[in-house]
Amino acid sequence: MPDQLLFALEVTANGLMAGVMYSLVALGFVLIFKASGIFNYSQGVLALFAALTLVGIQEGQVPFAHLINAVTGLHVTEFGWKVPALLAILLTALVMVGLAIIIEKLVLKHLVNQEPIILFMATIGMAYFLEGFGDVMWGADIKTLDVGLPQGINETLESVTDKALGYGFFVDNLDIVATVVAVMLVTALTLFSQYSKQGRALRAVADDHQAALSVGISLRFIWVLVWSIAGFVALVAGIMWGSKSGVQFSLSLIALKALPVLMLGGFTSIPGAIVGGLIIGVGEKLFEFFAGPLIGGATENWFAYVLALVFLVFRPQGLFGEKIIERV
């Protein structure tokens, strides 16, 4: 088999893995959009906040240590204990549920039946607030996240491909774990959305807040539920991205890479978030591989957005989105 084709196959495999990482972020956007009909600009910051909180709990860091030291003159930094990874993840999940309750009480309940643009602007405000709040609470330094996930090259896959093709594929173990987790999440969320009472209520709320209230659906409960689930998805995304590249404030920018994923897959489709992520991941890797040397490289920075623009022109609802037909 030609070397160029082997390299392309390896690039495709890594593109699929990268696409899964994008999809983990996009899932949170889909959940909020299905429940409220708005684009949640703060989803990327939720992933950052969840990762910061997880590291802080795991390392026994004192919240607001810098602020406490500045006000009192003390020099507290840590409690002096370490929390096991699984317990730290569970505690962080509870924090994300608590955050969902606070968001509903302080923001969302005052915006019932408001225009989508108002809700969208509220999520922008929440994004910048949470980013600053996370900075004050846990500090702005780059943190290392280690919850015991395997990392580095998968030697089994390298050995199998080397024997079969004469060339060993380099695939990161963390990417494989992310793929398995993403498949489990999509399966669970799809079943929840389609077959549970709360899932049907969620779709009703997205269609019409007032009509949902009139048939006895608790809008406040639905919003707390969906923001809690989105917070859990953000925690999973934060763990994967934080383990891969460290927990830093640029982590919130992964939300920008989720935009093309949503445009391809559709804002209302949970499976579409995965398919869109895979298309973006593979597309940008292959385009960089084949066209990058010809046009100067760095195509991964813009390829996804150009592809999304093409989809907006020819199929604005995305591959799996619902086509809206309005009669005048």
Protein backbone atom coordinates (compact mmCIF):
# COMPACT_ATOMS: atom_id res chain seq x y z
CA MET A 1 0.00 0.00 0.00
CA PRO A 2 1.46 3.45 -0.93
CA ASP A 3 2.90 5.44 1.96
CA GLN A 4 0.74 8.47 1.10
CA LEU A 5 -2.43 6.41 1.49
CA LEU A 6 -1.23 4.97 4.80
CA PHE A 7 -0.52 8.46 6.11
CA ALA A 8 -3.98 9.56 4.96
CA LEU A 9 -5.60 6.66 6.81
CA GLU A 10 -3.74 7.59 10.00
CA VAL A 11 -4.79 11.21 9.60
CA THR A 12 -8.40 10.07 9.11
CA ALA A 13 -8.30 8.00 12.30
CA ASN A 14 -6.96 10.94 14.29
CA GLY A 15 -9.52 13.22 12.66
CA LEU A 16 -12.33 10.96 13.85
CA MET A 17 -10.95 11.14 17.39
CA ALA A 18 -10.64 14.93 17.25
CA GLY A 19 -14.19 15.14 15.94
CA VAL A 20 -15.46 13.24 18.97
CA MET A 21 -13.80 15.80 21.25
CA TYR A 22 -15.58 18.61 19.40
CA SER A 23 -18.86 16.71 19.67
CA LEU A 24 -18.62 16.47 23.45
CA VAL A 25 -18.80 20.26 23.63
CA ALA A 26 -21.51 20.50 20.97
CA LEU A 27 -23.77 18.15 22.95
CA GLY A 28 -24.21 20.77 25.67
CA PHE A 29 -25.29 23.37 23.11
CA VAL A 30 -27.87 20.96 21.63
CA LEU A 31 -29.39 20.18 25.04
CA ILE A 32 -29.92 23.84 25.94
CA PHE A 33 -31.25 24.67 22.49
CA LYS A 34 -33.75 21.81 22.64
CA ALA A 35 -35.05 23.07 26.00
CA SER A 36 -35.17 26.81 25.39
CA GLY A 37 -34.69 27.43 21.67
CA ILE A 38 -31.59 29.56 22.28
CA PHE A 39 -27.88 29.18 21.63
CA ASN A 40 -26.08 28.90 24.98
CA TYR A 41 -22.96 30.99 24.51
CA SER A 42 -21.73 30.03 28.00
CA GLN A 43 -21.36 26.27 27.32
CA GLY A 44 -17.63 26.51 26.66
CA VAL A 45 -17.15 28.44 29.90
CA LEU A 46 -19.19 25.79 31.73
CA ALA A 47 -16.63 23.21 30.57
CA LEU A 48 -13.83 25.45 31.82
CA PHE A 49 -15.55 26.09 35.16
CA ALA A 50 -16.22 22.37 35.64
CA ALA A 51 -12.58 21.49 34.91
CA LEU A 52 -11.30 24.22 37.26
CA THR A 53 -13.62 23.04 40.03
CA LEU A 54 -12.59 19.42 39.54
CA VAL A 55 -8.90 20.25 39.82
CA GLY A 56 -9.54 22.50 42.82
CA ILE A 57 -11.48 19.81 44.69
CA GLN A 58 -9.05 17.05 43.73
CA GLU A 59 -6.02 19.05 44.90
CA GLY A 60 -7.70 20.28 48.09
CA GLN A 61 -7.38 23.90 46.99
CA VAL A 62 -9.03 26.58 49.12
CA PRO A 63 -11.67 28.42 47.03
CA PHE A 64 -11.11 32.19 46.73
CA ALA A 65 -7.66 31.75 48.30
CA HIS A 66 -6.23 34.82 46.53
CA LEU A 67 -9.14 36.98 47.65
CA ILE A 68 -8.99 35.69 51.23
CA ASN A 69 -5.25 36.33 51.41
CA ALA A 70 -5.60 39.84 49.97
CA VAL A 71 -8.34 40.81 52.46
CA THR A 72 -7.04 39.10 55.62
CA GLY A 73 -3.28 39.06 55.03
CA LEU A 74 -3.18 35.29 55.49
CA HIS A 75 -1.35 32.85 53.20
CA VAL A 76 -3.80 29.97 52.81
CA THR A 77 -3.62 27.91 49.63
CA GLU A 78 -4.64 24.29 50.31
CA PHE A 79 -6.52 22.31 52.93
CA GLY A 80 -3.75 19.75 53.07
CA TRP A 81 -5.57 16.74 51.64
CA LYS A 82 -6.10 15.14 48.26
CA VAL A 83 -9.50 13.92 47.08
CA PRO A 84 -9.73 10.68 45.02
CA ALA A 85 -10.56 11.29 41.37
CA LEU A 86 -13.96 9.54 41.38
CA LEU A 87 -15.14 11.36 44.52
CA ALA A 88 -13.88 14.66 43.10
CA ILE A 89 -15.86 14.05 39.89
CA LEU A 90 -19.03 13.30 41.88
CA LEU A 91 -18.58 16.43 44.00
CA THR A 92 -17.99 18.53 40.88
CA ALA A 93 -21.16 17.10 39.32
CA LEU A 94 -23.07 18.25 42.43
CA VAL A 95 -21.51 21.71 42.06
CA MET A 96 -22.74 21.84 38.45
CA VAL A 97 -26.26 20.89 39.57
CA GLY A 98 -26.10 23.64 42.20
CA LEU A 99 -24.92 26.07 39.53
CA ALA A 100 -27.90 25.09 37.36
CA ILE A 101 -30.28 25.82 40.23
CA ILE A 102 -28.66 29.23 40.83
CA ILE A 103 -28.82 30.11 37.12
CA GLU A 104 -32.51 29.24 37.04
CA LYS A 105 -33.35 31.21 40.18
CA LEU A 106 -31.29 34.32 39.39
CA VAL A 107 -31.58 34.52 35.61
CA LEU A 108 -33.90 32.17 33.76
CA LYS A 109 -37.07 32.51 35.83
CA HIS A 110 -37.11 36.24 35.07
CA LEU A 111 -36.92 35.60 31.33
CA VAL A 112 -39.88 33.27 30.83
CA ASN A 113 -41.50 33.77 27.40
CA GLN A 114 -38.99 36.43 26.41
CA GLU A 115 -37.58 36.76 22.91
CA PRO A 116 -34.74 34.31 22.05
CA ILE A 117 -32.30 37.19 21.53
CA ILE A 118 -32.81 38.26 25.16
CA LEU A 119 -32.07 34.76 26.41
CA PHE A 120 -29.04 34.60 24.12
CA MET A 121 -27.68 37.88 25.52
CA ALA A 122 -28.23 36.50 29.03
CA THR A 123 -25.99 33.50 28.21
CA ILE A 124 -23.29 35.88 26.98
CA GLY A 125 -23.44 37.68 30.31
CA MET A 126 -23.28 34.36 32.17
CA ALA A 127 -20.25 33.30 30.12
CA TYR A 128 -18.19 36.34 31.08
CA PHE A 129 -19.37 36.22 34.69
CA LEU A 130 -18.49 32.53 35.10
CA GLU A 131 -15.09 33.05 33.48
CA GLY A 132 -14.26 35.83 35.94
CA PHE A 133 -15.82 33.95 38.85
CA GLY A 134 -13.75 30.85 38.05
CA ASP A 135 -10.62 33.01 37.93
CA VAL A 136 -11.34 34.49 41.37
CA MET A 137 -12.42 31.16 42.85
CA TRP A 138 -9.61 28.90 41.65
CA GLY A 139 -6.90 31.17 40.22
CA ALA A 140 -5.84 31.85 36.63
CA ASP A 141 -2.71 29.67 36.51
CA ILE A 142 -2.55 26.67 34.16
CA LYS A 143 -3.49 23.48 36.00
CA THR A 144 -2.78 19.82 35.32
CA LEU A 145 -5.80 17.54 35.37
CA ASP A 146 -5.19 13.86 36.11
CA VAL A 147 -8.15 11.57 36.83
CA GLY A 148 -6.38 8.39 35.83
CA LEU A 149 -7.33 8.33 32.15
CA PRO A 150 -4.82 6.51 29.92
CA GLN A 151 -2.75 8.75 27.66
CA GLY A 152 -0.08 8.29 25.05
CA ILE A 153 0.05 6.08 21.98
CA ASN A 154 -2.13 2.98 21.89
CA GLU A 155 0.49 0.26 21.45
CA THR A 156 -2.06 -2.44 20.62
CA LEU A 157 -3.48 -0.48 17.70
CA GLU A 158 0.01 0.45 16.54
CA SER A 159 1.09 -3.19 16.62
CA VAL A 160 -2.03 -4.44 14.79
CA THR A 161 -1.79 -1.84 12.01
CA ASP A 162 1.95 -2.39 11.69
CA LYS A 163 1.44 -6.12 11.14
CA ALA A 164 -1.51 -5.64 8.79
CA LEU A 165 -0.32 -2.64 6.78
CA GLY A 166 3.39 -2.37 7.50
CA TYR A 167 2.84 0.99 9.18
CA GLY A 168 1.82 1.55 12.80
CA PHE A 169 -0.92 4.13 13.37
CA PHE A 170 -0.39 6.66 16.16
CA VAL A 171 -3.68 7.07 18.05
CA ASP A 172 -3.88 8.57 21.55
CA ASN A 173 -5.46 6.41 24.26
CA LEU A 174 -7.28 9.47 25.61
CA ASP A 175 -8.98 9.98 22.25
CA ILE A 176 -10.18 6.37 22.29
CA VAL A 177 -11.62 6.84 25.79
CA ALA A 178 -13.34 10.04 24.65
CA THR A 179 -14.89 8.14 21.75
CA VAL A 180 -16.31 5.45 24.04
CA VAL A 181 -17.65 8.06 26.48
CA ALA A 182 -19.21 10.10 23.66
CA VAL A 183 -21.02 7.03 22.28
CA MET A 184 -22.40 6.24 25.74
CA LEU A 185 -23.50 9.86 26.28
CA VAL A 186 -25.23 10.11 22.91
CA THR A 187 -27.04 6.83 23.46
CA ALA A 188 -28.23 7.83 26.94
CA LEU A 189 -29.27 11.35 25.92
CA THR A 190 -31.10 10.13 22.81
CA LEU A 191 -33.07 7.58 24.83
CA PHE A 192 -33.83 10.22 27.47
CA SER A 193 -34.99 12.76 24.89
CA GLN A 194 -37.17 10.36 22.89
CA TYR A 195 -38.67 8.02 25.46
CA SER A 196 -38.80 9.72 28.86
CA LYS A 197 -41.58 11.96 30.16
CA GLN A 198 -39.06 14.68 30.98
CA GLY A 199 -37.58 14.44 27.49
CA ARG A 200 -40.98 15.04 25.88
CA ALA A 201 -41.62 17.91 28.28
CA LEU A 202 -38.24 19.35 27.31
CA ARG A 203 -39.26 19.47 23.64
CA ALA A 204 -42.60 21.04 24.54
CA VAL A 205 -40.87 23.82 26.47
CA ALA A 206 -38.64 24.55 23.48
CA ASP A 207 -41.68 24.91 21.20
CA ASP A 208 -43.68 27.28 23.38
CA HIS A 209 -43.04 28.33 26.99
CA GLN A 210 -46.57 29.56 27.61
CA ALA A 211 -48.25 26.48 26.10
CA ALA A 212 -46.01 24.20 28.16
CA LEU A 213 -47.00 26.05 31.33
CA SER A 214 -50.69 25.81 30.42
CA VAL A 215 -50.60 21.98 30.34
CA GLY A 216 -48.89 21.71 33.72
CA ILE A 217 -45.23 21.41 32.73
CA SER A 218 -42.96 23.04 35.30
CA LEU A 219 -40.76 25.33 33.25
CA ARG A 220 -38.45 25.96 36.20
CA PHE A 221 -37.90 22.22 36.78
CA ILE A 222 -37.22 21.58 33.10
CA TRP A 223 -34.67 24.38 32.94
CA VAL A 224 -32.89 23.18 36.10
CA LEU A 225 -32.89 19.63 34.69
CA VAL A 226 -31.52 20.54 31.28
CA TRP A 227 -28.90 22.94 32.64
CA SER A 228 -27.82 20.23 35.10
CA ILE A 229 -27.44 17.72 32.25
CA ALA A 230 -25.60 20.33 30.18
CA GLY A 231 -23.35 20.97 33.17
CA PHE A 232 -22.60 17.24 33.41
CA VAL A 233 -21.80 17.13 29.68
CA ALA A 234 -19.58 20.19 30.19
CA LEU A 235 -17.82 18.34 33.02
CA VAL A 236 -17.13 15.36 30.73
CA ALA A 237 -15.84 17.68 28.00
CA GLY A 238 -13.75 19.58 30.54
CA ILE A 239 -12.18 16.34 31.79
CA MET A 240 -11.26 15.20 28.28
CA TRP A 241 -9.93 18.53 27.05
CA GLY A 242 -8.30 19.37 30.39
CA SER A 243 -6.52 16.00 30.49
CA LYS A 244 -5.36 16.53 26.91
CA SER A 245 -4.12 20.13 26.99
CA GLY A 246 -4.25 21.27 30.62
CA VAL A 247 -6.87 23.38 32.38
CA GLN A 248 -6.42 26.96 31.24
CA PHE A 249 -8.71 29.79 30.28
CA SER A 250 -8.26 29.15 26.56
CA LEU A 251 -10.31 26.01 27.24
CA SER A 252 -13.45 28.15 27.00
CA LEU A 253 -12.61 28.84 23.34
CA ILE A 254 -13.46 25.25 22.39
CA ALA A 255 -17.03 26.55 22.20
CA LEU A 256 -16.06 28.35 19.00
CA LYS A 257 -15.06 25.03 17.40
CA ALA A 258 -18.45 23.61 18.36
CA LEU A 259 -20.24 26.19 16.18
CA PRO A 260 -19.40 24.55 12.83
CA VAL A 261 -20.27 21.18 14.36
CA LEU A 262 -23.75 22.43 15.22
CA MET A 263 -24.23 24.02 11.81
CA LEU A 264 -23.46 20.71 10.12
CA GLY A 265 -25.32 18.39 12.47
CA GLY A 266 -28.25 20.63 13.33
CA PHE A 267 -28.97 22.54 16.54
CA THR A 268 -31.74 20.14 17.62
CA SER A 269 -30.15 16.74 16.97
CA ILE A 270 -28.10 14.87 19.57
CA PRO A 271 -26.78 12.28 17.04
CA GLY A 272 -26.22 15.19 14.65
CA ALA A 273 -23.73 16.71 17.12
CA ILE A 274 -21.63 13.55 16.86
CA VAL A 275 -21.89 13.24 13.08
CA GLY A 276 -21.10 16.94 12.62
CA GLY A 277 -18.08 16.61 14.90
CA LEU A 278 -16.77 13.63 12.96
CA ILE A 279 -17.17 15.45 9.64
CA ILE A 280 -15.36 18.52 10.96
CA GLY A 281 -12.60 16.47 12.61
CA VAL A 282 -11.87 14.31 9.57
CA GLY A 283 -12.39 17.14 7.09
CA GLU A 284 -9.96 19.56 8.69
CA LYS A 285 -7.26 16.90 9.18
CA LEU A 286 -7.48 15.61 5.60
CA PHE A 287 -7.65 19.11 4.15
CA GLU A 288 -4.54 20.09 6.09
CA PHE A 289 -2.82 16.88 4.97
CA PHE A 290 -3.53 17.28 1.26
CA ALA A 291 -3.96 21.02 0.74
CA GLY A 292 -1.94 22.46 3.62
CA PRO A 293 1.48 22.12 1.95
CA LEU A 294 0.12 23.75 -1.22
CA ILE A 295 -1.41 26.85 0.41
CA GLY A 296 0.94 27.41 3.32
CA GLY A 297 -0.60 25.30 6.11
CA ALA A 298 -2.61 26.37 9.18
CA THR A 299 -5.84 25.43 7.40
CA GLU A 300 -7.29 23.83 10.56
CA ASN A 301 -7.89 27.33 11.94
CA TRP A 302 -10.48 28.20 9.27
CA PHE A 303 -11.52 25.07 7.34
CA ALA A 304 -14.38 24.18 9.70
CA TYR A 305 -15.94 27.64 9.40
CA VAL A 306 -15.74 27.65 5.61
CA LEU A 307 -17.41 24.25 5.50
CA ALA A 308 -20.10 25.47 7.90
CA LEU A 309 -20.69 28.51 5.66
CA VAL A 310 -21.27 26.21 2.68
CA PHE A 311 -23.83 24.26 4.70
CA LEU A 312 -25.59 27.46 5.77
CA VAL A 313 -26.02 28.40 2.11
CA PHE A 314 -27.34 25.05 0.87
CA ARG A 315 -28.82 23.39 3.97
CA PRO A 316 -29.19 25.91 6.82
CA GLN A 317 -30.96 23.47 9.14
CA GLY A 318 -27.98 21.07 9.04
CA LEU A 319 -27.93 17.38 8.20
CA PHE A 320 -30.23 16.30 11.03
CA GLY A 321 -31.96 19.56 11.94
CA GLU A 322 -35.69 20.09 11.56
CA LYS A 323 -36.67 22.00 8.45
CA ILE A 324 -38.95 24.88 9.42
CA ILE A 325 -41.75 25.69 6.98
CA GLU A 326 -43.72 28.86 7.59
CA ARG A 327 -46.88 29.62 5.67
CA VAL A 328 -47.80 33.24 5.11
